[in-house]
Amino acid sequence: MSEHVALFAAGLLVLAAGAGCLVTGAARLDRATGRSAFAVGIVAVGFGPCVAGLAFDLTCVLRPAPPREAELMVATALGTVVGSNIASVLLVLGAAALVRPVASSARLFSTAIPLTFVATILFWFLAADTTISRIDAGVLLAAFVGVLVLLVRDARRESDAGKAEFAAWVPEQTSLWVAGLLALAGLCAIVVGAWLAAGELLGARTALRLRVQVMSITVVAFGTTLPALVAALVAARRGRSDLVLGLAVGPALVNLLLVAGAVATVQPITITEHAILNEIPAMAVCSLLLLPALLNGKVPRWEGALLVVAYAGFIAWQVTRVAPPGR
């Protein structure tokens, strides 16, 4: 069984690396079309970290499998969304604050952070009947469009300092041919990594003796959050606090509305009662933990340490759960 774990881990690493390459290359190519560096940067920060999770979830629901295995694979979509959001707040923001205290000044977050909490409550409400149906998916996608309109409006009013920080995300010095190769290599790696990780998921969970949803909410979510974590640590070392907060808040919004909506459009997501009463409320609490960053404008090191410890506690809680038969 160890080979399943090794192949699953390799798939996740290839997927995460591919997502980073694709976003970097695509951002440079997008900039070459004449779009402002701020616009490209803010899209890369908000959408880029979600590429790996979206690719993995779509592969899980589209990959041919026997009915029972297909049911288990669909169940991973919820775990990836919830786990990624929890990791975005507790791990990404917490670890970055440990490197350097986060002191954000971008006005955009005064809208984005409350919207993240509202999106969490909307997701929780739609999940209450144990299914994110295609109708629910339409609601999530419509909400995403509304959120996008609000954020674009606020982005136009952003201060010059805030715009400069997001613009710094774009690799302006990278040549176009290198950017093109990065984007192409990243796309290929995403396809291969997602297919490999999804194909080995059930074998790996048997070897590790974990539930499928526990695998997705911990191991898969950590793997798909790796690009954002690395980017946030680099941004923190350079003192770019707005980028750090953007890498925590942006993916949380996109995961809940766009990723969950897109996956449920392809295949409705079944949700367990345990998730409705435990993991989704935990995600809601994590979204509330963003409020101090909004109200105080900063996340000191001691708060970062508490967030990382809370993430470790969440992982420990998940992996020590008793798996019911067949799950």
Protein backbone atom coordinates (compact mmCIF):
# COMPACT_ATOMS: atom_id res chain seq x y z
CA MET A 1 0.00 0.00 0.00
CA SER A 2 2.96 2.35 0.50
CA GLU A 3 3.23 2.88 -3.25
CA HIS A 4 -0.27 4.43 -3.25
CA VAL A 5 0.80 6.93 -0.60
CA ALA A 6 3.99 7.78 -2.49
CA LEU A 7 2.18 8.25 -5.81
CA PHE A 8 -0.58 10.27 -4.15
CA ALA A 9 1.98 12.58 -2.50
CA ALA A 10 3.89 12.91 -5.78
CA GLY A 11 0.67 13.84 -7.57
CA LEU A 12 -0.11 16.55 -5.02
CA LEU A 13 3.40 18.00 -5.27
CA VAL A 14 3.28 18.04 -9.08
CA LEU A 15 -0.18 19.63 -8.91
CA ALA A 16 0.98 22.34 -6.49
CA ALA A 17 4.13 23.10 -8.49
CA GLY A 18 2.16 23.19 -11.72
CA ALA A 19 -0.35 25.65 -10.28
CA GLY A 20 2.47 27.99 -9.25
CA CYS A 21 4.10 27.83 -12.68
CA LEU A 22 0.81 28.35 -14.50
CA VAL A 23 -0.18 31.41 -12.46
CA THR A 24 3.28 32.98 -12.77
CA GLY A 25 3.47 32.45 -16.51
CA ALA A 26 -0.12 33.48 -17.16
CA ALA A 27 0.29 36.65 -15.08
CA ARG A 28 3.28 37.74 -17.17
CA LEU A 29 1.49 36.95 -20.44
CA ASP A 30 -1.62 38.81 -19.26
CA ARG A 31 0.51 41.83 -18.40
CA ALA A 32 1.94 41.77 -21.93
CA THR A 33 -1.55 42.38 -23.34
CA GLY A 34 -1.53 45.84 -21.79
CA ARG A 35 -3.61 45.16 -18.68
CA SER A 36 -2.44 47.11 -15.65
CA ALA A 37 -0.02 45.34 -13.31
CA PHE A 38 -2.41 46.00 -10.40
CA ALA A 39 -5.32 44.27 -12.16
CA VAL A 40 -3.14 41.29 -13.11
CA GLY A 41 -1.66 41.06 -9.64
CA ILE A 42 -4.95 41.14 -7.79
CA VAL A 43 -6.41 38.44 -10.06
CA ALA A 44 -3.32 36.27 -9.55
CA VAL A 45 -3.49 36.69 -5.77
CA GLY A 46 -7.22 35.97 -5.55
CA PHE A 47 -7.60 33.21 -8.13
CA GLY A 48 -4.13 31.69 -8.42
CA PRO A 49 -4.10 29.76 -5.12
CA CYS A 50 -7.40 28.06 -6.05
CA VAL A 51 -6.21 26.56 -9.33
CA ALA A 52 -4.81 23.38 -7.76
CA GLY A 53 -7.91 22.72 -5.66
CA LEU A 54 -10.27 23.31 -8.57
CA ALA A 55 -8.28 20.99 -10.83
CA PHE A 56 -8.21 18.24 -8.19
CA ASP A 57 -11.93 18.50 -7.40
CA LEU A 58 -13.00 18.50 -11.05
CA THR A 59 -10.75 15.50 -11.74
CA CYS A 60 -12.33 13.63 -8.82
CA VAL A 61 -15.89 14.16 -10.07
CA LEU A 62 -15.08 13.58 -13.75
CA ARG A 63 -12.80 10.56 -13.39
CA PRO A 64 -14.57 7.31 -14.39
CA ALA A 65 -15.03 4.99 -11.40
CA PRO A 66 -17.44 2.33 -10.07
CA PRO A 67 -20.52 3.82 -8.33
CA ARG A 68 -19.25 3.37 -4.77
CA GLU A 69 -15.83 4.82 -5.56
CA ALA A 70 -17.43 7.67 -7.51
CA GLU A 71 -19.53 8.55 -4.46
CA LEU A 72 -16.44 8.69 -2.27
CA MET A 73 -14.56 10.80 -4.83
CA VAL A 74 -17.38 13.35 -4.97
CA ALA A 75 -17.22 13.59 -1.18
CA THR A 76 -13.65 14.91 -1.46
CA ALA A 77 -14.86 18.14 -3.05
CA LEU A 78 -16.41 19.39 0.19
CA GLY A 79 -13.32 18.46 2.18
CA THR A 80 -10.99 20.26 -0.20
CA VAL A 81 -13.07 23.47 -0.14
CA VAL A 82 -13.50 23.50 3.63
CA GLY A 83 -9.95 22.37 4.37
CA SER A 84 -8.41 24.89 1.99
CA ASN A 85 -10.34 27.75 3.55
CA ILE A 86 -9.34 26.74 7.05
CA ALA A 87 -5.72 26.41 5.91
CA SER A 88 -5.85 29.82 4.21
CA VAL A 89 -6.70 31.57 7.46
CA LEU A 90 -4.95 29.48 10.10
CA LEU A 91 -1.87 28.25 8.23
CA VAL A 92 -1.16 30.79 5.48
CA LEU A 93 -1.93 33.92 7.49
CA GLY A 94 -0.54 32.49 10.73
CA ALA A 95 2.77 31.27 9.27
CA ALA A 96 3.28 34.53 7.38
CA ALA A 97 2.67 36.55 10.56
CA LEU A 98 5.32 34.46 12.31
CA VAL A 99 7.84 35.49 9.63
CA ARG A 100 6.87 39.16 9.95
CA PRO A 101 3.84 40.80 11.59
CA VAL A 102 1.16 41.56 9.00
CA ALA A 103 0.12 45.22 8.86
CA SER A 104 -2.27 45.70 5.96
CA SER A 105 -3.49 49.07 4.71
CA ALA A 106 -5.39 48.13 1.55
CA ARG A 107 -8.97 49.43 1.54
CA LEU A 108 -10.11 46.43 -0.46
CA PHE A 109 -10.16 44.22 2.63
CA SER A 110 -12.84 46.33 4.32
CA THR A 111 -15.20 44.77 1.76
CA ALA A 112 -13.50 41.43 1.09
CA ILE A 113 -13.29 40.22 4.72
CA PRO A 114 -16.99 40.80 5.59
CA LEU A 115 -17.93 39.21 2.26
CA THR A 116 -15.88 36.14 3.18
CA PHE A 117 -17.96 35.65 6.31
CA VAL A 118 -21.21 36.23 4.39
CA ALA A 119 -20.12 33.71 1.74
CA THR A 120 -19.38 31.17 4.47
CA ILE A 121 -22.85 31.60 5.97
CA LEU A 122 -24.42 31.29 2.50
CA PHE A 123 -22.47 28.07 1.85
CA TRP A 124 -23.50 26.71 5.24
CA PHE A 125 -27.16 27.55 4.58
CA LEU A 126 -27.12 25.84 1.18
CA ALA A 127 -25.39 22.79 2.66
CA ALA A 128 -27.98 22.38 5.43
CA ASP A 129 -30.03 19.89 3.38
CA THR A 130 -26.89 17.69 3.01
CA THR A 131 -26.43 18.49 -0.70
CA ILE A 132 -25.01 21.31 -2.79
CA SER A 133 -27.30 20.81 -5.79
CA ARG A 134 -26.97 22.32 -9.24
CA ILE A 135 -29.50 24.97 -8.21
CA ASP A 136 -27.35 25.74 -5.17
CA ALA A 137 -24.36 25.87 -7.51
CA GLY A 138 -26.14 28.51 -9.55
CA VAL A 139 -26.72 30.55 -6.39
CA LEU A 140 -23.03 30.30 -5.46
CA LEU A 141 -21.89 31.32 -8.93
CA ALA A 142 -24.36 34.23 -9.03
CA ALA A 143 -23.08 35.33 -5.62
CA PHE A 144 -19.53 35.14 -6.97
CA VAL A 145 -20.44 37.49 -9.82
CA GLY A 146 -21.97 39.90 -7.30
CA VAL A 147 -18.88 39.74 -5.08
CA LEU A 148 -16.66 40.31 -8.11
CA VAL A 149 -18.61 43.45 -9.04
CA LEU A 150 -18.26 44.84 -5.51
CA LEU A 151 -14.55 44.08 -5.33
CA VAL A 152 -13.84 45.57 -8.76
CA ARG A 153 -15.63 48.74 -7.66
CA ASP A 154 -13.56 48.95 -4.50
CA ALA A 155 -10.33 48.06 -6.30
CA ARG A 156 -10.68 51.18 -8.44
CA ARG A 157 -10.64 53.26 -5.26
CA GLU A 158 -7.57 51.56 -3.84
CA SER A 159 -4.69 53.75 -2.72
CA ASP A 160 -1.56 54.03 -4.85
CA ALA A 161 0.43 52.18 -2.19
CA GLY A 162 -2.02 49.28 -2.22
CA LYS A 163 -2.01 49.13 -6.00
CA ALA A 164 1.77 49.11 -6.08
CA GLU A 165 1.95 46.18 -3.68
CA PHE A 166 -0.37 43.98 -5.75
CA ALA A 167 1.36 45.10 -8.94
CA ALA A 168 4.67 43.88 -7.50
CA TRP A 169 3.29 40.34 -7.74
CA VAL A 170 3.66 40.36 -11.55
CA PRO A 171 7.06 39.07 -12.77
CA GLU A 172 7.74 41.99 -15.09
CA GLN A 173 11.35 40.95 -15.77
CA THR A 174 10.45 37.48 -17.03
CA SER A 175 10.72 37.21 -20.81
CA LEU A 176 7.57 36.30 -22.72
CA TRP A 177 8.94 33.04 -24.08
CA VAL A 178 9.91 31.90 -20.59
CA ALA A 179 6.46 32.92 -19.32
CA GLY A 180 4.86 30.94 -22.12
CA LEU A 181 6.90 27.85 -21.26
CA LEU A 182 6.04 28.25 -17.57
CA ALA A 183 2.33 28.49 -18.33
CA LEU A 184 2.41 25.47 -20.67
CA ALA A 185 4.51 23.37 -18.29
CA GLY A 186 2.25 24.40 -15.41
CA LEU A 187 -0.88 23.40 -17.29
CA CYS A 188 0.57 19.98 -18.15
CA ALA A 189 1.71 19.46 -14.56
CA ILE A 190 -1.74 20.35 -13.24
CA VAL A 191 -3.42 17.79 -15.50
CA VAL A 192 -0.91 15.05 -14.66
CA GLY A 193 -0.75 15.87 -10.95
CA ALA A 194 -4.51 16.08 -10.50
CA TRP A 195 -5.10 12.81 -12.37
CA LEU A 196 -2.39 10.99 -10.43
CA ALA A 197 -3.46 12.31 -7.01
CA ALA A 198 -7.14 11.61 -7.65
CA GLY A 199 -6.38 8.14 -8.95
CA GLU A 200 -4.33 7.20 -5.89
CA LEU A 201 -6.58 8.89 -3.30
CA LEU A 202 -8.59 5.83 -2.29
CA GLY A 203 -5.55 3.58 -2.16
CA ALA A 204 -3.66 6.10 -0.06
CA ARG A 205 -6.55 6.60 2.37
CA THR A 206 -6.74 2.81 2.87
CA ALA A 207 -3.02 2.66 3.58
CA LEU A 208 -3.21 5.60 6.00
CA ARG A 209 -6.49 4.34 7.52
CA LEU A 210 -8.19 7.68 7.14
CA ARG A 211 -11.65 8.62 5.95
CA VAL A 212 -11.86 10.04 2.45
CA GLN A 213 -13.21 13.34 3.74
CA VAL A 214 -10.47 13.49 6.37
CA MET A 215 -7.87 12.91 3.62
CA SER A 216 -9.31 15.73 1.55
CA ILE A 217 -9.77 18.19 4.42
CA THR A 218 -6.22 17.67 5.72
CA VAL A 219 -3.72 16.19 3.26
CA VAL A 220 -5.28 17.34 -0.02
CA ALA A 221 -6.17 20.78 1.33
CA PHE A 222 -2.62 21.22 2.61
CA GLY A 223 -1.18 20.20 -0.76
CA THR A 224 -3.42 22.52 -2.76
CA THR A 225 -2.71 25.38 -0.32
CA LEU A 226 1.08 25.00 -0.67
CA PRO A 227 1.41 27.57 -3.52
CA ALA A 228 -0.38 30.21 -1.42
CA LEU A 229 1.66 29.31 1.67
CA VAL A 230 4.99 29.64 -0.14
CA ALA A 231 3.90 32.90 -1.79
CA ALA A 232 2.71 34.32 1.54
CA LEU A 233 5.98 33.45 3.28
CA VAL A 234 7.97 35.14 0.51
CA ALA A 235 5.67 38.19 0.60
CA ALA A 236 6.00 38.39 4.39
CA ARG A 237 9.81 38.36 4.20
CA ARG A 238 9.61 41.27 1.78
CA GLY A 239 7.20 43.18 4.00
CA ARG A 240 4.25 43.02 1.58
CA SER A 241 1.44 42.65 4.10
CA ASP A 242 -1.36 43.41 1.64
CA LEU A 243 -0.25 40.47 -0.49
CA VAL A 244 -0.18 38.21 2.56
CA LEU A 245 -3.72 39.11 3.57
CA GLY A 246 -4.85 38.84 -0.05
CA LEU A 247 -3.46 35.30 -0.24
CA ALA A 248 -5.58 34.38 2.80
CA VAL A 249 -8.82 36.21 1.99
CA GLY A 250 -9.00 35.92 -1.80
CA PRO A 251 -8.81 32.11 -2.03
CA ALA A 252 -11.39 31.77 0.76
CA LEU A 253 -13.94 33.72 -1.27
CA VAL A 254 -13.10 32.01 -4.55
CA ASN A 255 -13.18 28.51 -3.01
CA LEU A 256 -16.61 28.97 -1.44
CA LEU A 257 -18.33 30.57 -4.41
CA LEU A 258 -16.51 29.76 -7.65
CA VAL A 259 -14.81 26.41 -6.94
CA ALA A 260 -17.72 24.87 -5.02
CA GLY A 261 -20.19 26.28 -7.56
CA ALA A 262 -18.24 24.95 -10.54
CA VAL A 263 -17.80 21.47 -9.05
CA ALA A 264 -21.45 21.20 -7.97
CA THR A 265 -22.53 22.25 -11.46
CA VAL A 266 -20.72 19.19 -12.84
CA GLN A 267 -21.75 16.87 -9.99
CA PRO A 268 -23.91 17.76 -6.93
CA ILE A 269 -21.88 17.50 -3.71
CA THR A 270 -23.20 15.28 -0.94
CA ILE A 271 -22.48 16.58 2.57
CA THR A 272 -22.54 14.55 5.76
CA GLU A 273 -24.39 15.67 8.87
CA HIS A 274 -21.07 15.62 10.72
CA ALA A 275 -19.64 18.18 8.29
CA ILE A 276 -22.69 20.43 8.69
CA LEU A 277 -22.37 20.35 12.47
CA ASN A 278 -18.58 20.39 12.79
CA GLU A 279 -16.26 21.19 9.87
CA ILE A 280 -18.39 23.89 8.22
CA PRO A 281 -18.93 25.71 11.56
CA ALA A 282 -15.15 25.48 12.11
CA MET A 283 -14.69 27.16 8.73
CA ALA A 284 -17.12 29.89 9.79
CA VAL A 285 -15.13 30.48 12.97
CA CYS A 286 -11.97 30.79 10.87
CA SER A 287 -13.59 33.46 8.70
CA LEU A 288 -14.41 35.38 11.89
CA LEU A 289 -10.73 35.23 12.84
CA LEU A 290 -10.05 37.56 9.90
CA LEU A 291 -11.97 40.36 11.65
CA PRO A 292 -9.09 41.36 13.98
CA ALA A 293 -6.93 41.91 10.88
CA LEU A 294 -9.66 44.19 9.52
CA LEU A 295 -10.40 46.06 12.78
CA ASN A 296 -6.79 46.41 13.98
CA GLY A 297 -5.13 46.52 10.58
CA LYS A 298 -2.49 44.04 11.73
CA VAL A 299 -1.75 40.46 12.76
CA PRO A 300 1.16 40.38 15.26
CA ARG A 301 3.45 37.39 15.71
CA TRP A 302 1.65 36.12 18.81
CA GLU A 303 -1.63 35.97 16.88
CA GLY A 304 0.16 34.20 14.05
CA ALA A 305 1.45 31.63 16.53
CA LEU A 306 -2.07 31.06 17.85
CA LEU A 307 -3.40 30.58 14.32
CA VAL A 308 -0.73 27.98 13.49
CA VAL A 309 -1.37 26.14 16.77
CA ALA A 310 -5.10 26.19 16.02
CA TYR A 311 -4.41 24.67 12.60
CA ALA A 312 -2.32 21.91 14.19
CA GLY A 313 -5.19 21.27 16.61
CA PHE A 314 -7.68 21.10 13.76
CA ILE A 315 -5.53 18.55 11.90
CA ALA A 316 -5.14 16.47 15.07
CA TRP A 317 -8.92 16.55 15.62
CA GLN A 318 -9.54 15.33 12.08
CA VAL A 319 -7.01 12.51 11.90
CA THR A 320 -8.09 11.07 15.26
CA ARG A 321 -11.72 10.76 14.21
CA VAL A 322 -13.06 7.21 14.05
CA ALA A 323 -13.94 6.22 10.50
CA PRO A 324 -17.37 4.62 10.04
CA PRO A 325 -17.53 1.50 7.85
CA GLY A 326 -16.94 2.17 4.15
CA ARG A 327 -16.12 5.84 4.55
